[in-house]
Amino acid sequence: MSTSMPKMKTHKGAQKRFKITATGKVMRMKGQKSHLRRRKPSRAKHQYDKSLPMSPSLASHVKDLLPFGLPK
């Protein structure tokens, strides 16, 4: 009986929050979206609708959580 390594699994919370681009950058969305009702709707929409690249030091941790890279 041989013992094998356990299967690598994608962290589902990280999969919902981060995207990996084709060039390997990790993109994130801004936080605090639940507090949008305090701002003007048009301003808030423009402020929070873009994804931003993560810092390289934190991106390496996210890449460990997403071993298969781009979700299909």
C-alpha atoms as a PDB file:
ATOM      1  CA  MET A   1       0.000   0.000   0.000  1.00  0.00           C
ATOM      2  CA  SER A   2       1.558   3.264  -1.089  1.00  0.00           C
ATOM      3  CA  THR A   3       0.826   6.548   0.548  1.00  0.00           C
ATOM      4  CA  SER A   4       0.403   9.352  -1.898  1.00  0.00           C
ATOM      5  CA  MET A   5       0.293  13.081  -1.498  1.00  0.00           C
ATOM      6  CA  PRO A   6      -3.156  14.527  -0.855  1.00  0.00           C
ATOM      7  CA  LYS A   7      -4.893  16.279  -3.707  1.00  0.00           C
ATOM      8  CA  MET A   8      -4.204  19.972  -4.150  1.00  0.00           C
ATOM      9  CA  LYS A   9      -7.419  21.913  -3.695  1.00  0.00           C
ATOM     10  CA  THR A  10      -8.344  25.434  -4.657  1.00  0.00           C
ATOM     11  CA  HIS A  11      -9.228  27.739  -1.769  1.00  0.00           C
ATOM     12  CA  LYS A  12     -12.801  28.680  -2.678  1.00  0.00           C
ATOM     13  CA  GLY A  13     -12.784  31.936  -0.706  1.00  0.00           C
ATOM     14  CA  ALA A  14      -9.671  33.108  -2.557  1.00  0.00           C
ATOM     15  CA  GLN A  15     -11.132  31.982  -5.879  1.00  0.00           C
ATOM     16  CA  LYS A  16     -14.117  34.286  -5.367  1.00  0.00           C
ATOM     17  CA  ARG A  17     -12.023  37.267  -4.299  1.00  0.00           C
ATOM     18  CA  PHE A  18      -8.989  37.175  -6.600  1.00  0.00           C
ATOM     19  CA  LYS A  19      -8.327  36.611 -10.298  1.00  0.00           C
ATOM     20  CA  ILE A  20      -5.026  35.656 -11.896  1.00  0.00           C
ATOM     21  CA  THR A  21      -4.388  37.257 -15.284  1.00  0.00           C
ATOM     22  CA  ALA A  22      -2.805  35.492 -18.234  1.00  0.00           C
ATOM     23  CA  THR A  23       0.496  37.229 -17.462  1.00  0.00           C
ATOM     24  CA  GLY A  24       0.398  35.986 -13.857  1.00  0.00           C
ATOM     25  CA  LYS A  25      -0.676  39.146 -12.019  1.00  0.00           C
ATOM     26  CA  VAL A  26      -3.084  38.717  -9.113  1.00  0.00           C
ATOM     27  CA  MET A  27      -5.970  41.187  -9.310  1.00  0.00           C
ATOM     28  CA  ARG A  28      -8.143  42.216  -6.356  1.00  0.00           C
ATOM     29  CA  MET A  29     -11.201  44.377  -5.828  1.00  0.00           C
ATOM     30  CA  LYS A  30     -11.411  47.230  -3.328  1.00  0.00           C
ATOM     31  CA  GLY A  31     -12.912  46.525   0.064  1.00  0.00           C
ATOM     32  CA  GLN A  32     -15.635  48.361   1.990  1.00  0.00           C
ATOM     33  CA  LYS A  33     -18.260  47.962  -0.747  1.00  0.00           C
ATOM     34  CA  SER A  34     -20.962  47.355   1.832  1.00  0.00           C
ATOM     35  CA  HIS A  35     -20.654  50.984   2.967  1.00  0.00           C
ATOM     36  CA  LEU A  36     -21.602  52.455  -0.423  1.00  0.00           C
ATOM     37  CA  ARG A  37     -24.916  53.914   0.731  1.00  0.00           C
ATOM     38  CA  ARG A  38     -23.037  56.704   2.504  1.00  0.00           C
ATOM     39  CA  ARG A  39     -21.699  58.079  -0.786  1.00  0.00           C
ATOM     40  CA  LYS A  40     -23.220  59.419  -3.961  1.00  0.00           C
ATOM     41  CA  PRO A  41     -24.095  56.415  -6.145  1.00  0.00           C
ATOM     42  CA  SER A  42     -22.315  57.544  -9.311  1.00  0.00           C
ATOM     43  CA  ARG A  43     -19.117  58.410  -7.483  1.00  0.00           C
ATOM     44  CA  ALA A  44     -19.132  55.153  -5.552  1.00  0.00           C
ATOM     45  CA  LYS A  45     -19.731  53.128  -8.694  1.00  0.00           C
ATOM     46  CA  HIS A  46     -16.686  54.600 -10.397  1.00  0.00           C
ATOM     47  CA  GLN A  47     -14.611  54.232  -7.281  1.00  0.00           C
ATOM     48  CA  TYR A  48     -15.244  50.535  -6.723  1.00  0.00           C
ATOM     49  CA  ASP A  49     -15.762  48.971 -10.166  1.00  0.00           C
ATOM     50  CA  LYS A  50     -12.084  48.472 -11.073  1.00  0.00           C
ATOM     51  CA  SER A  51      -9.821  45.624 -10.092  1.00  0.00           C
ATOM     52  CA  LEU A  52      -6.344  46.516  -8.892  1.00  0.00           C
ATOM     53  CA  PRO A  53      -3.101  44.505  -8.944  1.00  0.00           C
ATOM     54  CA  MET A  54      -1.909  43.143  -5.620  1.00  0.00           C
ATOM     55  CA  SER A  55       1.502  43.795  -4.156  1.00  0.00           C
ATOM     56  CA  PRO A  56       3.996  41.073  -5.136  1.00  0.00           C
ATOM     57  CA  SER A  57       4.593  39.999  -1.534  1.00  0.00           C
ATOM     58  CA  LEU A  58       0.901  39.270  -0.932  1.00  0.00           C
ATOM     59  CA  ALA A  59       0.358  37.900  -4.437  1.00  0.00           C
ATOM     60  CA  SER A  60       2.681  34.983  -3.707  1.00  0.00           C
ATOM     61  CA  HIS A  61       0.413  33.920  -0.825  1.00  0.00           C
ATOM     62  CA  VAL A  62      -2.669  34.086  -3.027  1.00  0.00           C
ATOM     63  CA  LYS A  63      -0.950  32.013  -5.721  1.00  0.00           C
ATOM     64  CA  ASP A  64      -0.396  29.293  -3.108  1.00  0.00           C
ATOM     65  CA  LEU A  65      -4.147  29.275  -2.424  1.00  0.00           C
ATOM     66  CA  LEU A  66      -4.943  29.068  -6.163  1.00  0.00           C
ATOM     67  CA  PRO A  67      -2.654  26.269  -7.397  1.00  0.00           C
ATOM     68  CA  PHE A  68      -4.369  25.897 -10.761  1.00  0.00           C
ATOM     69  CA  GLY A  69      -4.250  29.582 -11.689  1.00  0.00           C
ATOM     70  CA  LEU A  70      -7.008  30.717 -13.980  1.00  0.00           C
ATOM     71  CA  PRO A  71     -10.442  29.251 -13.188  1.00  0.00           C
ATOM     72  CA  LYS A  72     -12.242  27.811 -16.174  1.00  0.00           C
END
